[in-house]
Amino acid sequence: MTEEKKIEARDTVGMVLMGSAEADVAVEMLREERPDLRISKTNCYYMIEGEGKIEIDVNAVGERLGRELDVPSFLVIMSSYYGRAQVSEHTFGVYSEMLQLEDK
């Protein structure tokens, strides 16, 4: 008799940021806002992983840096991500849900 294996959906999402002033501030903010995230640094990269979603308010990162920062400029330090990416005017996020389908 063959045992059927059940595959469970995972809600894990993540992103990898290259070391930079922007990444340092983003990680600092994520640690404050989301203590449940798993954040590690390897060489010059930050690995950020969590459940459900990870959102970065790029305007807030720029404010802490003391200069303007837009989403396209922030995405330059994004090495990789997994999850469903969503870009808005001031934020970048990765989500486990399919946001475009759930809004309809």
C-alpha atoms as a PDB file:
ATOM      1  CA  MET A   1       0.000   0.000   0.000  1.00  0.00           C
ATOM      2  CA  THR A   2       1.382   3.410  -0.971  1.00  0.00           C
ATOM      3  CA  GLU A   3       1.337   6.077   1.664  1.00  0.00           C
ATOM      4  CA  GLU A   4       0.189   9.405   0.283  1.00  0.00           C
ATOM      5  CA  LYS A   5       2.358  12.316   1.298  1.00  0.00           C
ATOM      6  CA  LYS A   6       0.599  15.553   2.065  1.00  0.00           C
ATOM      7  CA  ILE A   7       2.290  18.715   0.966  1.00  0.00           C
ATOM      8  CA  GLU A   8       1.459  21.727   3.054  1.00  0.00           C
ATOM      9  CA  ALA A   9       1.594  25.235   1.686  1.00  0.00           C
ATOM     10  CA  ARG A  10       4.174  27.404   3.366  1.00  0.00           C
ATOM     11  CA  ASP A  11       3.751  31.063   4.139  1.00  0.00           C
ATOM     12  CA  THR A  12       7.487  31.726   4.276  1.00  0.00           C
ATOM     13  CA  VAL A  13       8.777  34.716   2.333  1.00  0.00           C
ATOM     14  CA  GLY A  14      12.209  36.266   2.225  1.00  0.00           C
ATOM     15  CA  MET A  15      14.591  38.716   0.694  1.00  0.00           C
ATOM     16  CA  VAL A  16      18.329  39.174   0.444  1.00  0.00           C
ATOM     17  CA  LEU A  17      19.803  42.665   0.628  1.00  0.00           C
ATOM     18  CA  MET A  18      23.366  43.618  -0.290  1.00  0.00           C
ATOM     19  CA  GLY A  19      25.204  45.342   2.524  1.00  0.00           C
ATOM     20  CA  SER A  20      24.828  49.118   2.313  1.00  0.00           C
ATOM     21  CA  ALA A  21      23.658  52.056   4.393  1.00  0.00           C
ATOM     22  CA  GLU A  22      20.145  51.493   2.996  1.00  0.00           C
ATOM     23  CA  ALA A  23      20.209  47.806   3.943  1.00  0.00           C
ATOM     24  CA  ASP A  24      21.548  48.569   7.430  1.00  0.00           C
ATOM     25  CA  VAL A  25      18.670  50.983   8.078  1.00  0.00           C
ATOM     26  CA  ALA A  26      16.045  48.680   6.532  1.00  0.00           C
ATOM     27  CA  VAL A  27      17.237  45.798   8.720  1.00  0.00           C
ATOM     28  CA  GLU A  28      17.261  48.022  11.809  1.00  0.00           C
ATOM     29  CA  MET A  29      13.658  49.062  11.097  1.00  0.00           C
ATOM     30  CA  LEU A  30      12.517  45.503  10.396  1.00  0.00           C
ATOM     31  CA  ARG A  31      14.058  44.322  13.680  1.00  0.00           C
ATOM     32  CA  GLU A  32      12.076  47.021  15.507  1.00  0.00           C
ATOM     33  CA  GLU A  33       8.790  46.409  13.671  1.00  0.00           C
ATOM     34  CA  ARG A  34       8.957  42.644  13.196  1.00  0.00           C
ATOM     35  CA  PRO A  35      10.942  40.881  15.949  1.00  0.00           C
ATOM     36  CA  ASP A  36       9.586  37.577  14.594  1.00  0.00           C
ATOM     37  CA  LEU A  37      11.683  37.865  11.408  1.00  0.00           C
ATOM     38  CA  ARG A  38      14.783  35.729  11.049  1.00  0.00           C
ATOM     39  CA  ILE A  39      17.607  38.055  10.003  1.00  0.00           C
ATOM     40  CA  SER A  40      21.182  36.984   9.499  1.00  0.00           C
ATOM     41  CA  LYS A  41      24.219  38.561   7.912  1.00  0.00           C
ATOM     42  CA  THR A  42      26.645  36.569   5.810  1.00  0.00           C
ATOM     43  CA  ASN A  43      29.637  38.386   4.395  1.00  0.00           C
ATOM     44  CA  CYS A  44      28.050  41.415   2.745  1.00  0.00           C
ATOM     45  CA  TYR A  45      24.450  40.153   2.517  1.00  0.00           C
ATOM     46  CA  TYR A  46      21.469  40.271   4.850  1.00  0.00           C
ATOM     47  CA  MET A  47      19.113  37.288   4.664  1.00  0.00           C
ATOM     48  CA  ILE A  48      15.633  38.235   5.902  1.00  0.00           C
ATOM     49  CA  GLU A  49      12.961  35.569   6.288  1.00  0.00           C
ATOM     50  CA  GLY A  50       9.507  35.501   7.845  1.00  0.00           C
ATOM     51  CA  GLU A  51       5.969  34.263   7.613  1.00  0.00           C
ATOM     52  CA  GLY A  52       3.199  35.929   5.625  1.00  0.00           C
ATOM     53  CA  LYS A  53       4.810  39.134   4.445  1.00  0.00           C
ATOM     54  CA  ILE A  54       7.788  41.429   4.680  1.00  0.00           C
ATOM     55  CA  GLU A  55       7.251  45.084   3.828  1.00  0.00           C
ATOM     56  CA  ILE A  56       9.792  47.884   3.704  1.00  0.00           C
ATOM     57  CA  ASP A  57       8.680  51.520   3.769  1.00  0.00           C
ATOM     58  CA  VAL A  58      11.340  53.013   1.545  1.00  0.00           C
ATOM     59  CA  ASN A  59      10.378  56.604   2.443  1.00  0.00           C
ATOM     60  CA  ALA A  60      10.966  55.804   6.128  1.00  0.00           C
ATOM     61  CA  VAL A  61      14.369  54.299   5.269  1.00  0.00           C
ATOM     62  CA  GLY A  62      15.250  57.522   3.448  1.00  0.00           C
ATOM     63  CA  GLU A  63      14.112  59.637   6.391  1.00  0.00           C
ATOM     64  CA  ARG A  64      16.405  57.721   8.760  1.00  0.00           C
ATOM     65  CA  LEU A  65      19.252  58.128   6.281  1.00  0.00           C
ATOM     66  CA  GLY A  66      18.565  61.870   6.089  1.00  0.00           C
ATOM     67  CA  ARG A  67      17.986  61.896   2.353  1.00  0.00           C
ATOM     68  CA  GLU A  68      15.362  61.052  -0.229  1.00  0.00           C
ATOM     69  CA  LEU A  69      15.148  57.434  -1.310  1.00  0.00           C
ATOM     70  CA  ASP A  70      12.790  56.064  -3.915  1.00  0.00           C
ATOM     71  CA  VAL A  71      11.786  52.457  -4.514  1.00  0.00           C
ATOM     72  CA  PRO A  72      13.816  51.961  -7.741  1.00  0.00           C
ATOM     73  CA  SER A  73      16.973  53.166  -5.965  1.00  0.00           C
ATOM     74  CA  PHE A  74      16.274  50.843  -3.026  1.00  0.00           C
ATOM     75  CA  LEU A  75      15.745  47.854  -5.331  1.00  0.00           C
ATOM     76  CA  VAL A  76      19.353  48.190  -6.530  1.00  0.00           C
ATOM     77  CA  ILE A  77      20.470  46.560  -3.239  1.00  0.00           C
ATOM     78  CA  MET A  78      17.923  43.737  -3.531  1.00  0.00           C
ATOM     79  CA  SER A  79      19.866  40.643  -4.483  1.00  0.00           C
ATOM     80  CA  SER A  80      17.013  38.148  -4.343  1.00  0.00           C
ATOM     81  CA  TYR A  81      13.575  37.503  -2.908  1.00  0.00           C
ATOM     82  CA  TYR A  82      11.048  34.724  -2.624  1.00  0.00           C
ATOM     83  CA  GLY A  83       7.346  35.229  -2.332  1.00  0.00           C
ATOM     84  CA  ARG A  84       5.072  37.401  -4.425  1.00  0.00           C
ATOM     85  CA  ALA A  85       6.647  40.800  -4.942  1.00  0.00           C
ATOM     86  CA  GLN A  86       4.569  43.944  -4.789  1.00  0.00           C
ATOM     87  CA  VAL A  87       5.948  47.391  -5.539  1.00  0.00           C
ATOM     88  CA  SER A  88       4.077  50.579  -4.726  1.00  0.00           C
ATOM     89  CA  GLU A  89       5.112  54.208  -4.841  1.00  0.00           C
ATOM     90  CA  HIS A  90       6.733  54.137  -1.392  1.00  0.00           C
ATOM     91  CA  THR A  91       7.023  50.480  -0.366  1.00  0.00           C
ATOM     92  CA  PHE A  92       8.433  47.160  -1.463  1.00  0.00           C
ATOM     93  CA  GLY A  93       7.067  43.929  -0.077  1.00  0.00           C
ATOM     94  CA  VAL A  94       7.015  40.188  -0.566  1.00  0.00           C
ATOM     95  CA  TYR A  95       3.872  38.283   0.353  1.00  0.00           C
ATOM     96  CA  SER A  96       2.750  34.706   0.671  1.00  0.00           C
ATOM     97  CA  GLU A  97      -0.762  35.603  -0.509  1.00  0.00           C
ATOM     98  CA  MET A  98      -1.764  36.436  -4.051  1.00  0.00           C
ATOM     99  CA  LEU A  99      -2.817  40.017  -3.369  1.00  0.00           C
ATOM    100  CA  GLN A 100      -4.016  40.843  -6.865  1.00  0.00           C
ATOM    101  CA  LEU A 101      -6.471  37.937  -6.848  1.00  0.00           C
ATOM    102  CA  GLU A 102      -7.745  38.563  -3.335  1.00  0.00           C
ATOM    103  CA  ASP A 103      -8.588  42.215  -4.028  1.00  0.00           C
ATOM    104  CA  LYS A 104     -11.131  41.254  -6.717  1.00  0.00           C
END
